[in-house]
């Protein structure tokens, strides 16, 4: 979910620390701490951008039953985060925000199934498989929740992908189009 003032959406996850580090690597800036004149000069530090919004949603379980849901705002203004998620400050952020994408990835990409035979033998191939999944999910797969009702003739709905909603493309891509697309050199 993006706000009008910031292009960075609200990120939610479970309690895996790699998410925090990954977000800072993508949405961070390098700062040089002030030198106090004693000892070595401090090394540059990667810090999050001011408008980065990140919430951890944890489930506390007792004997496999969820007894409490804990939300921790790691980065960002709580008021802005609750507003962007469509809740007020009295509400909580449900685990569905963090769990929905995890379920989609696990059911769509065999490499993420727990205790499966389709594991990636190298990180490079794992990343390539995930990149292909993301491209398919955003450019090829129409999402039912994004369709528009048109009621013209035989067609009742206009199917859309996330890339169409974001204005990146104007049509649903074919697999051939995706695999033969040449990324412009920057």
N, C-alpha and C. Protein backbone atom coordinates (compact mmCIF):
# COMPACT_ATOMS: atom_id res chain seq x y z
N UNK A 1 0.84 -1.18 0.00
CA UNK A 1 0.00 0.00 0.00
C UNK A 1 0.89 1.24 0.00
N UNK A 2 0.69 2.13 -0.98
CA UNK A 2 1.50 3.34 -1.08
C UNK A 2 0.70 4.55 -0.67
N UNK A 3 1.39 5.54 -0.11
CA UNK A 3 0.73 6.80 0.23
C UNK A 3 0.98 7.80 -0.88
N UNK A 4 0.20 8.87 -0.88
CA UNK A 4 0.37 9.91 -1.89
C UNK A 4 1.68 10.66 -1.69
N UNK A 5 2.14 10.75 -0.45
CA UNK A 5 3.34 11.53 -0.16
C UNK A 5 4.63 10.75 -0.36
N UNK A 6 4.58 9.43 -0.27
CA UNK A 6 5.80 8.62 -0.35
C UNK A 6 5.63 7.50 -1.37
N UNK A 7 6.63 7.29 -2.23
CA UNK A 7 6.54 6.19 -3.19
C UNK A 7 6.85 4.84 -2.55
N UNK A 8 7.32 4.83 -1.30
CA UNK A 8 7.68 3.58 -0.63
C UNK A 8 6.45 3.02 0.08
N UNK A 9 6.06 1.77 -0.21
CA UNK A 9 4.89 1.18 0.45
C UNK A 9 5.18 0.76 1.89
N UNK A 10 4.15 0.32 2.60
CA UNK A 10 4.32 -0.25 3.93
C UNK A 10 4.73 -1.70 3.73
N UNK A 11 5.81 -2.11 4.37
CA UNK A 11 6.27 -3.50 4.31
C UNK A 11 5.89 -4.18 5.61
N UNK A 12 5.42 -5.41 5.52
CA UNK A 12 5.11 -6.21 6.70
C UNK A 12 5.78 -7.56 6.55
N UNK A 13 6.17 -8.15 7.68
CA UNK A 13 6.77 -9.48 7.64
C UNK A 13 6.59 -10.14 9.00
N UNK A 14 7.03 -11.39 9.05
CA UNK A 14 7.07 -12.08 10.33
C UNK A 14 8.40 -11.72 11.00
N UNK A 15 8.81 -12.48 11.99
CA UNK A 15 9.98 -12.10 12.80
C UNK A 15 11.29 -12.68 12.26
N UNK A 16 11.51 -12.53 10.96
CA UNK A 16 12.77 -12.99 10.39
C UNK A 16 13.63 -11.76 10.15
N UNK A 17 14.80 -11.69 10.79
CA UNK A 17 15.64 -10.50 10.76
C UNK A 17 16.18 -10.16 9.38
N UNK A 18 16.22 -11.10 8.47
CA UNK A 18 16.74 -10.83 7.13
C UNK A 18 15.91 -9.79 6.39
N UNK A 19 14.62 -9.69 6.70
CA UNK A 19 13.77 -8.70 6.06
C UNK A 19 14.26 -7.28 6.36
N UNK A 20 14.57 -7.02 7.62
CA UNK A 20 15.03 -5.70 8.04
C UNK A 20 16.32 -5.31 7.30
N UNK A 21 17.26 -6.23 7.27
CA UNK A 21 18.53 -5.98 6.59
C UNK A 21 18.32 -5.76 5.09
N UNK A 22 17.46 -6.58 4.49
CA UNK A 22 17.17 -6.44 3.06
C UNK A 22 16.52 -5.11 2.72
N UNK A 23 15.57 -4.67 3.55
CA UNK A 23 14.92 -3.39 3.31
C UNK A 23 15.90 -2.23 3.40
N UNK A 24 16.81 -2.29 4.38
CA UNK A 24 17.80 -1.22 4.52
C UNK A 24 18.75 -1.23 3.32
N UNK A 25 19.08 -2.42 2.80
CA UNK A 25 19.95 -2.49 1.62
C UNK A 25 19.29 -1.87 0.40
N UNK A 26 17.97 -2.02 0.26
CA UNK A 26 17.26 -1.48 -0.89
C UNK A 26 16.83 -0.03 -0.65
N UNK A 27 16.26 0.24 0.52
CA UNK A 27 15.72 1.56 0.84
C UNK A 27 16.57 2.24 1.92
N UNK A 28 17.85 2.26 1.72
CA UNK A 28 18.73 2.89 2.70
C UNK A 28 19.63 3.92 2.07
N UNK A 29 20.29 4.66 2.90
CA UNK A 29 21.26 5.64 2.43
C UNK A 29 22.51 5.51 3.29
N UNK A 30 23.62 5.93 2.74
CA UNK A 30 24.89 5.83 3.46
C UNK A 30 25.12 7.14 4.21
N UNK A 31 25.38 7.03 5.50
CA UNK A 31 25.70 8.19 6.33
C UNK A 31 27.08 8.00 6.92
N UNK A 32 27.78 9.09 7.06
CA UNK A 32 29.09 9.06 7.68
C UNK A 32 28.95 9.64 9.08
N UNK A 33 29.10 8.82 10.14
CA UNK A 33 28.99 9.35 11.50
C UNK A 33 30.03 10.44 11.74
N UNK A 34 29.69 11.38 12.60
CA UNK A 34 30.58 12.50 12.87
C UNK A 34 31.84 12.01 13.59
N UNK A 35 32.97 12.53 13.14
CA UNK A 35 34.26 12.18 13.75
C UNK A 35 34.47 13.05 14.97
N UNK A 36 34.81 12.43 16.10
CA UNK A 36 34.97 13.16 17.36
C UNK A 36 36.41 13.51 17.66
N UNK A 37 37.31 13.21 16.73
CA UNK A 37 38.70 13.60 16.89
C UNK A 37 39.57 12.62 17.67
N UNK A 38 39.00 11.51 18.11
CA UNK A 38 39.76 10.52 18.88
C UNK A 38 39.69 9.19 18.14
N UNK A 39 40.84 8.56 17.94
CA UNK A 39 40.89 7.24 17.30
C UNK A 39 40.64 7.31 15.81
N UNK A 40 40.29 6.15 15.24
CA UNK A 40 40.03 6.07 13.81
C UNK A 40 38.76 6.82 13.44
N UNK A 41 38.72 7.25 12.21
CA UNK A 41 37.49 7.88 11.70
C UNK A 41 36.44 6.77 11.56
N UNK A 42 35.19 7.07 11.89
CA UNK A 42 34.15 6.03 11.78
C UNK A 42 33.87 5.66 10.33
N UNK A 43 33.50 4.42 10.13
CA UNK A 43 33.16 3.93 8.80
C UNK A 43 31.76 4.40 8.40
N UNK A 44 31.51 4.53 7.11
CA UNK A 44 30.15 4.89 6.66
C UNK A 44 29.15 3.82 7.11
N UNK A 45 27.93 4.25 7.38
CA UNK A 45 26.89 3.37 7.90
C UNK A 45 25.67 3.43 6.99
N UNK A 46 25.04 2.28 6.76
CA UNK A 46 23.81 2.23 5.97
C UNK A 46 22.63 2.40 6.92
N UNK A 47 21.82 3.43 6.69
CA UNK A 47 20.66 3.71 7.55
C UNK A 47 19.40 3.78 6.69
N UNK A 48 18.23 3.50 7.27
CA UNK A 48 16.99 3.53 6.47
C UNK A 48 16.61 4.95 6.07
N UNK A 49 15.93 5.07 4.93
CA UNK A 49 15.38 6.36 4.52
C UNK A 49 14.31 6.79 5.51
N UNK A 50 14.06 8.08 5.60
CA UNK A 50 13.10 8.61 6.57
C UNK A 50 11.68 8.12 6.33
N UNK A 51 11.30 7.90 5.06
CA UNK A 51 9.93 7.48 4.78
C UNK A 51 9.76 5.97 4.60
N UNK A 52 10.74 5.18 5.03
CA UNK A 52 10.61 3.72 5.01
C UNK A 52 9.66 3.30 6.13
N UNK A 53 8.70 2.44 5.77
CA UNK A 53 7.69 1.99 6.72
C UNK A 53 7.73 0.46 6.77
N UNK A 54 8.00 -0.08 7.95
CA UNK A 54 8.15 -1.53 8.10
C UNK A 54 7.59 -1.98 9.44
N UNK A 55 6.73 -3.00 9.39
CA UNK A 55 6.08 -3.54 10.58
C UNK A 55 6.33 -5.03 10.66
N UNK A 56 6.72 -5.50 11.84
CA UNK A 56 6.83 -6.94 12.09
C UNK A 56 5.57 -7.39 12.81
N UNK A 57 4.99 -8.48 12.33
CA UNK A 57 3.80 -9.05 12.94
C UNK A 57 4.17 -10.45 13.42
N UNK A 58 4.08 -10.66 14.73
CA UNK A 58 4.49 -11.93 15.31
C UNK A 58 3.30 -12.65 15.93
N UNK A 59 3.31 -13.97 15.85
CA UNK A 59 2.28 -14.77 16.49
C UNK A 59 2.91 -15.48 17.68
N UNK A 60 2.36 -15.28 18.85
CA UNK A 60 2.83 -15.98 20.04
C UNK A 60 1.97 -17.23 20.19
N UNK A 61 2.62 -18.39 20.19
CA UNK A 61 1.88 -19.66 20.22
C UNK A 61 2.15 -20.41 21.52
N UNK A 62 1.13 -21.10 21.99
CA UNK A 62 1.25 -22.02 23.11
C UNK A 62 0.60 -23.32 22.66
N UNK A 63 1.40 -24.39 22.61
CA UNK A 63 0.93 -25.71 22.16
C UNK A 63 0.23 -25.61 20.79
N UNK A 64 0.89 -24.95 19.84
CA UNK A 64 0.41 -24.77 18.47
C UNK A 64 -0.87 -23.95 18.33
N UNK A 65 -1.27 -23.24 19.36
CA UNK A 65 -2.42 -22.34 19.28
C UNK A 65 -1.93 -20.90 19.41
N UNK A 66 -2.40 -20.04 18.53
CA UNK A 66 -2.02 -18.63 18.60
C UNK A 66 -2.78 -18.00 19.76
N UNK A 67 -2.03 -17.49 20.74
CA UNK A 67 -2.64 -16.87 21.91
C UNK A 67 -2.53 -15.35 21.88
N UNK A 68 -1.61 -14.83 21.05
CA UNK A 68 -1.44 -13.39 20.98
C UNK A 68 -0.77 -13.01 19.67
N UNK A 69 -1.19 -11.87 19.12
CA UNK A 69 -0.55 -11.31 17.94
C UNK A 69 0.13 -10.02 18.36
N UNK A 70 1.43 -9.94 18.10
CA UNK A 70 2.21 -8.77 18.51
C UNK A 70 2.67 -8.05 17.26
N UNK A 71 2.48 -6.74 17.23
CA UNK A 71 2.96 -5.94 16.10
C UNK A 71 4.00 -4.96 16.61
N UNK A 72 5.08 -4.89 15.85
CA UNK A 72 6.15 -3.95 16.19
C UNK A 72 6.45 -3.09 14.98
N UNK A 73 6.36 -1.79 15.13
CA UNK A 73 6.71 -0.88 14.06
C UNK A 73 8.20 -0.64 14.14
N UNK A 74 8.94 -1.11 13.14
CA UNK A 74 10.39 -1.01 13.12
C UNK A 74 10.82 0.34 12.53
N UNK A 75 10.26 0.70 11.38
CA UNK A 75 10.57 1.97 10.74
C UNK A 75 9.27 2.67 10.39
N UNK A 76 9.24 3.99 10.53
CA UNK A 76 8.11 4.77 10.06
C UNK A 76 7.24 5.33 11.16
N UNK A 77 6.36 6.24 10.74
CA UNK A 77 5.43 6.90 11.64
C UNK A 77 4.19 6.01 11.82
N UNK A 78 3.87 5.63 13.07
CA UNK A 78 2.73 4.74 13.30
C UNK A 78 1.42 5.27 12.72
N UNK A 79 1.18 6.58 12.85
CA UNK A 79 -0.07 7.16 12.35
C UNK A 79 -0.18 6.98 10.83
N UNK A 80 0.91 7.24 10.11
CA UNK A 80 0.92 7.10 8.65
C UNK A 80 0.75 5.63 8.25
N UNK A 81 1.40 4.73 8.98
CA UNK A 81 1.30 3.30 8.67
C UNK A 81 -0.13 2.81 8.83
N UNK A 82 -0.77 3.15 9.96
CA UNK A 82 -2.16 2.71 10.19
C UNK A 82 -3.09 3.32 9.15
N UNK A 83 -2.85 4.56 8.76
CA UNK A 83 -3.68 5.22 7.76
C UNK A 83 -3.55 4.51 6.41
N UNK A 84 -2.31 4.16 6.02
CA UNK A 84 -2.09 3.49 4.74
C UNK A 84 -2.69 2.09 4.71
N UNK A 85 -2.72 1.42 5.86
CA UNK A 85 -3.29 0.07 5.92
C UNK A 85 -4.80 0.09 6.15
N UNK A 86 -5.37 1.30 6.29
CA UNK A 86 -6.82 1.41 6.43
C UNK A 86 -7.32 1.08 7.82
N UNK A 87 -6.49 1.26 8.83
CA UNK A 87 -6.92 1.01 10.21
C UNK A 87 -6.63 2.26 11.04
N UNK A 88 -7.24 2.33 12.21
CA UNK A 88 -6.90 3.44 13.10
C UNK A 88 -5.90 2.95 14.15
N UNK A 89 -5.41 3.85 14.98
CA UNK A 89 -4.36 3.49 15.93
C UNK A 89 -4.82 2.50 17.00
N UNK A 90 -6.13 2.34 17.15
CA UNK A 90 -6.65 1.38 18.13
C UNK A 90 -6.62 -0.04 17.56
N UNK A 91 -6.60 -0.16 16.24
CA UNK A 91 -6.64 -1.47 15.59
C UNK A 91 -5.28 -2.13 15.60
N UNK A 92 -5.27 -3.37 15.17
CA UNK A 92 -4.00 -4.07 15.05
C UNK A 92 -3.78 -4.43 13.59
N UNK A 93 -2.54 -4.72 13.27
CA UNK A 93 -2.19 -5.15 11.93
C UNK A 93 -2.21 -6.67 11.95
N UNK A 94 -3.11 -7.27 11.20
CA UNK A 94 -3.25 -8.72 11.23
C UNK A 94 -2.11 -9.42 10.51
N UNK A 95 -1.95 -10.68 10.82
CA UNK A 95 -0.88 -11.47 10.21
C UNK A 95 -1.15 -11.72 8.74
N UNK A 96 -2.38 -11.47 8.28
CA UNK A 96 -2.70 -11.71 6.87
C UNK A 96 -1.83 -10.85 5.96
N UNK A 97 -1.44 -9.65 6.41
CA UNK A 97 -0.57 -8.80 5.59
C UNK A 97 0.76 -9.50 5.33
N UNK A 98 1.29 -10.18 6.33
CA UNK A 98 2.58 -10.84 6.18
C UNK A 98 2.46 -12.23 5.57
N UNK A 99 1.39 -12.93 5.86
CA UNK A 99 1.27 -14.33 5.47
C UNK A 99 0.74 -14.55 4.06
N UNK A 100 -0.02 -13.63 3.50
CA UNK A 100 -0.62 -13.84 2.19
C UNK A 100 0.44 -14.02 1.10
N UNK A 101 1.43 -13.16 1.05
CA UNK A 101 2.45 -13.28 0.01
C UNK A 101 3.31 -14.52 0.24
N UNK A 102 3.55 -14.88 1.51
CA UNK A 102 4.31 -16.10 1.79
C UNK A 102 3.58 -17.33 1.25
N UNK A 103 2.27 -17.38 1.45
CA UNK A 103 1.48 -18.51 0.95
C UNK A 103 1.50 -18.55 -0.58
N UNK A 104 1.35 -17.40 -1.20
CA UNK A 104 1.36 -17.34 -2.66
C UNK A 104 2.69 -17.84 -3.22
N UNK A 105 3.79 -17.43 -2.61
CA UNK A 105 5.11 -17.87 -3.08
C UNK A 105 5.27 -19.36 -2.87
N UNK A 106 4.91 -19.88 -1.69
CA UNK A 106 5.09 -21.31 -1.42
C UNK A 106 4.24 -22.18 -2.33
N UNK A 107 3.02 -21.73 -2.66
CA UNK A 107 2.16 -22.56 -3.51
C UNK A 107 2.50 -22.42 -4.99
N UNK A 108 3.19 -21.35 -5.37
CA UNK A 108 3.51 -21.13 -6.78
C UNK A 108 4.93 -21.54 -7.16
N UNK A 109 5.82 -21.59 -6.19
CA UNK A 109 7.22 -21.84 -6.47
C UNK A 109 7.70 -23.00 -5.60
N UNK A 110 7.91 -24.15 -6.23
CA UNK A 110 8.23 -25.37 -5.50
C UNK A 110 9.49 -25.27 -4.66
N UNK A 111 10.38 -24.36 -4.97
CA UNK A 111 11.62 -24.21 -4.20
C UNK A 111 11.36 -23.75 -2.77
N UNK A 112 10.20 -23.17 -2.54
CA UNK A 112 9.89 -22.65 -1.21
C UNK A 112 9.02 -23.59 -0.37
N UNK A 113 8.68 -24.74 -0.91
CA UNK A 113 7.90 -25.69 -0.13
C UNK A 113 8.80 -26.28 0.95
N UNK A 114 8.29 -26.36 2.14
CA UNK A 114 9.09 -26.89 3.24
C UNK A 114 9.37 -28.38 3.03
N UNK A 115 10.59 -28.77 3.26
CA UNK A 115 11.03 -30.16 3.17
C UNK A 115 10.73 -30.77 1.80
N UNK A 116 10.95 -29.99 0.76
CA UNK A 116 10.67 -30.47 -0.59
C UNK A 116 11.93 -30.92 -1.29
N UNK A 117 11.76 -31.63 -2.41
CA UNK A 117 12.90 -32.11 -3.19
C UNK A 117 13.39 -31.06 -4.18
N UNK A 118 12.65 -29.98 -4.37
CA UNK A 118 12.96 -28.99 -5.40
C UNK A 118 13.81 -27.84 -4.87
N UNK A 119 14.63 -28.07 -3.90
CA UNK A 119 15.43 -27.00 -3.32
C UNK A 119 16.47 -26.50 -4.31
N UNK A 120 16.93 -25.28 -4.10
CA UNK A 120 17.96 -24.70 -4.97
C UNK A 120 19.33 -25.11 -4.46
N UNK A 121 20.16 -25.55 -5.35
CA UNK A 121 21.49 -25.98 -4.94
C UNK A 121 22.45 -24.80 -4.80
N UNK A 122 22.16 -23.70 -5.50
CA UNK A 122 22.99 -22.50 -5.38
C UNK A 122 22.09 -21.29 -5.18
N UNK A 123 22.60 -20.28 -4.53
CA UNK A 123 21.84 -19.07 -4.29
C UNK A 123 21.55 -18.35 -5.61
N UNK A 124 22.48 -18.43 -6.55
CA UNK A 124 22.29 -17.78 -7.85
C UNK A 124 21.06 -18.33 -8.56
N UNK A 125 20.91 -19.65 -8.61
CA UNK A 125 19.76 -20.26 -9.28
C UNK A 125 18.47 -20.01 -8.50
N UNK A 126 18.58 -19.97 -7.19
CA UNK A 126 17.42 -19.66 -6.35
C UNK A 126 16.91 -18.26 -6.68
N UNK A 127 17.80 -17.29 -6.78
CA UNK A 127 17.43 -15.91 -7.08
C UNK A 127 16.83 -15.81 -8.48
N UNK A 128 17.40 -16.53 -9.45
CA UNK A 128 16.88 -16.49 -10.81
C UNK A 128 15.45 -17.06 -10.86
N UNK A 129 15.22 -18.15 -10.14
CA UNK A 129 13.88 -18.74 -10.10
C UNK A 129 12.88 -17.78 -9.47
N UNK A 130 13.31 -17.11 -8.41
CA UNK A 130 12.42 -16.16 -7.74
C UNK A 130 12.16 -14.93 -8.62
N UNK A 131 13.18 -14.47 -9.34
CA UNK A 131 13.00 -13.34 -10.25
C UNK A 131 11.99 -13.68 -11.35
N UNK A 132 12.09 -14.90 -11.90
CA UNK A 132 11.14 -15.32 -12.93
C UNK A 132 9.73 -15.39 -12.35
N UNK A 133 9.60 -15.91 -11.13
CA UNK A 133 8.28 -15.97 -10.48
C UNK A 133 7.70 -14.56 -10.33
N UNK A 134 8.52 -13.61 -9.86
CA UNK A 134 8.03 -12.24 -9.66
C UNK A 134 7.58 -11.62 -10.98
N UNK A 135 8.33 -11.84 -12.04
CA UNK A 135 7.96 -11.30 -13.35
C UNK A 135 6.64 -11.92 -13.81
N UNK A 136 6.49 -13.23 -13.69
CA UNK A 136 5.25 -13.91 -14.06
C UNK A 136 4.08 -13.38 -13.24
N UNK A 137 4.27 -13.27 -11.93
CA UNK A 137 3.21 -12.85 -11.01
C UNK A 137 2.75 -11.42 -11.32
N UNK A 138 3.66 -10.54 -11.70
CA UNK A 138 3.33 -9.13 -11.89
C UNK A 138 2.97 -8.75 -13.33
N UNK A 139 3.44 -9.51 -14.34
CA UNK A 139 3.19 -9.14 -15.72
C UNK A 139 2.26 -10.08 -16.47
N UNK A 140 2.24 -11.37 -16.11
CA UNK A 140 1.47 -12.36 -16.86
C UNK A 140 0.17 -12.76 -16.17
N UNK A 141 0.21 -12.96 -14.89
CA UNK A 141 -0.94 -13.50 -14.16
C UNK A 141 -1.96 -12.41 -13.82
N UNK A 142 -3.17 -12.47 -14.42
CA UNK A 142 -4.21 -11.52 -14.04
C UNK A 142 -4.69 -11.83 -12.62
N UNK A 143 -4.93 -10.79 -11.84
CA UNK A 143 -5.39 -10.97 -10.47
C UNK A 143 -6.87 -10.62 -10.38
N UNK A 144 -7.63 -11.51 -9.80
CA UNK A 144 -9.07 -11.32 -9.71
C UNK A 144 -9.43 -10.05 -8.93
N UNK A 145 -8.64 -9.74 -7.92
CA UNK A 145 -8.94 -8.56 -7.09
C UNK A 145 -8.65 -7.25 -7.81
N UNK A 146 -7.94 -7.30 -8.94
CA UNK A 146 -7.58 -6.08 -9.67
C UNK A 146 -8.45 -5.84 -10.90
N UNK A 147 -9.33 -6.78 -11.23
CA UNK A 147 -10.13 -6.64 -12.44
C UNK A 147 -11.15 -5.51 -12.30
N UNK A 148 -11.56 -4.96 -13.46
CA UNK A 148 -12.54 -3.89 -13.51
C UNK A 148 -13.79 -4.37 -14.21
N UNK A 149 -14.96 -4.00 -13.68
CA UNK A 149 -16.23 -4.38 -14.30
C UNK A 149 -16.49 -3.44 -15.47
N UNK A 150 -16.76 -4.02 -16.66
CA UNK A 150 -16.98 -3.17 -17.83
C UNK A 150 -18.34 -3.39 -18.47
N UNK A 151 -18.93 -4.59 -18.38
CA UNK A 151 -20.25 -4.89 -18.95
C UNK A 151 -20.42 -4.39 -20.38
N UNK A 152 -19.50 -4.77 -21.27
CA UNK A 152 -19.66 -4.39 -22.67
C UNK A 152 -19.73 -5.66 -23.52
N UNK A 153 -20.88 -5.90 -24.08
CA UNK A 153 -21.06 -7.09 -24.93
C UNK A 153 -20.91 -8.37 -24.14
N UNK A 154 -20.07 -9.27 -24.66
CA UNK A 154 -19.86 -10.56 -24.01
C UNK A 154 -18.93 -10.47 -22.80
N UNK A 155 -18.10 -9.43 -22.77
CA UNK A 155 -17.12 -9.30 -21.68
C UNK A 155 -17.73 -8.53 -20.51
N UNK A 156 -17.59 -9.11 -19.33
CA UNK A 156 -18.10 -8.44 -18.14
C UNK A 156 -16.96 -7.81 -17.33
N UNK A 157 -15.75 -8.34 -17.49
CA UNK A 157 -14.62 -7.87 -16.69
C UNK A 157 -13.42 -7.55 -17.57
N UNK A 158 -12.65 -6.56 -17.16
CA UNK A 158 -11.37 -6.24 -17.78
C UNK A 158 -10.29 -6.74 -16.84
N UNK A 159 -9.57 -7.78 -17.27
CA UNK A 159 -8.53 -8.39 -16.43
C UNK A 159 -7.30 -7.50 -16.37
N UNK A 160 -6.66 -7.42 -15.19
CA UNK A 160 -5.45 -6.61 -15.04
C UNK A 160 -4.42 -7.34 -14.19
N UNK A 161 -3.16 -7.00 -14.42
CA UNK A 161 -2.05 -7.52 -13.62
C UNK A 161 -1.56 -6.39 -12.72
N UNK A 162 -0.75 -6.69 -11.69
CA UNK A 162 -0.20 -5.62 -10.86
C UNK A 162 0.61 -4.60 -11.66
N UNK A 163 1.33 -5.04 -12.69
CA UNK A 163 2.11 -4.11 -13.51
C UNK A 163 1.19 -3.15 -14.27
N UNK A 164 0.02 -3.60 -14.68
CA UNK A 164 -0.94 -2.73 -15.35
C UNK A 164 -1.49 -1.70 -14.38
N UNK A 165 -1.80 -2.12 -13.17
CA UNK A 165 -2.34 -1.20 -12.16
C UNK A 165 -1.33 -0.11 -11.83
N UNK A 166 -0.05 -0.46 -11.78
CA UNK A 166 1.00 0.50 -11.46
C UNK A 166 1.39 1.37 -12.66
N UNK A 167 0.82 1.08 -13.83
CA UNK A 167 1.12 1.88 -15.02
C UNK A 167 2.43 1.51 -15.70
N UNK A 168 2.98 0.36 -15.39
CA UNK A 168 4.25 -0.08 -15.99
C UNK A 168 4.00 -0.61 -17.40
N UNK A 169 2.85 -1.22 -17.62
CA UNK A 169 2.49 -1.76 -18.92
C UNK A 169 1.00 -1.52 -19.16
N UNK A 170 0.58 -1.68 -20.42
CA UNK A 170 -0.83 -1.45 -20.74
C UNK A 170 -1.57 -2.73 -21.14
N UNK A 171 -0.92 -3.89 -21.02
CA UNK A 171 -1.55 -5.14 -21.41
C UNK A 171 -0.98 -6.31 -20.59
N UNK A 172 -1.69 -7.43 -20.64
CA UNK A 172 -1.22 -8.65 -19.99
C UNK A 172 -0.19 -9.28 -20.93
N UNK A 173 0.98 -9.56 -20.40
CA UNK A 173 2.06 -10.10 -21.23
C UNK A 173 1.87 -11.60 -21.44
N UNK A 174 2.41 -12.09 -22.55
CA UNK A 174 2.49 -13.54 -22.78
C UNK A 174 3.83 -14.02 -22.22
N UNK A 175 3.95 -15.32 -22.02
CA UNK A 175 5.21 -15.87 -21.53
C UNK A 175 6.33 -15.62 -22.54
N UNK A 176 6.01 -15.74 -23.83
CA UNK A 176 7.02 -15.49 -24.86
C UNK A 176 7.50 -14.04 -24.80
N UNK A 177 6.57 -13.10 -24.62
CA UNK A 177 6.94 -11.69 -24.52
C UNK A 177 7.84 -11.44 -23.32
N UNK A 178 7.53 -12.08 -22.20
CA UNK A 178 8.34 -11.91 -21.00
C UNK A 178 9.75 -12.46 -21.19
N UNK A 179 9.84 -13.66 -21.75
CA UNK A 179 11.14 -14.31 -21.90
C UNK A 179 12.01 -13.69 -22.99
N UNK A 180 11.41 -12.99 -23.94
CA UNK A 180 12.20 -12.37 -24.99
C UNK A 180 12.38 -10.85 -24.80
N UNK A 181 11.84 -10.32 -23.73
CA UNK A 181 11.97 -8.87 -23.46
C UNK A 181 13.43 -8.53 -23.19
N UNK A 182 13.91 -7.49 -23.86
CA UNK A 182 15.29 -7.04 -23.66
C UNK A 182 15.29 -5.86 -22.72
N UNK A 183 15.96 -5.99 -21.61
CA UNK A 183 16.05 -4.92 -20.63
C UNK A 183 16.98 -3.85 -21.17
N UNK A 184 16.53 -2.58 -21.22
CA UNK A 184 17.40 -1.52 -21.73
C UNK A 184 18.63 -1.32 -20.84
N UNK A 185 19.74 -1.02 -21.45
CA UNK A 185 20.97 -0.76 -20.71
C UNK A 185 20.85 0.62 -20.08
N UNK A 186 21.20 0.69 -18.79
CA UNK A 186 21.10 1.97 -18.08
C UNK A 186 22.45 2.55 -17.79
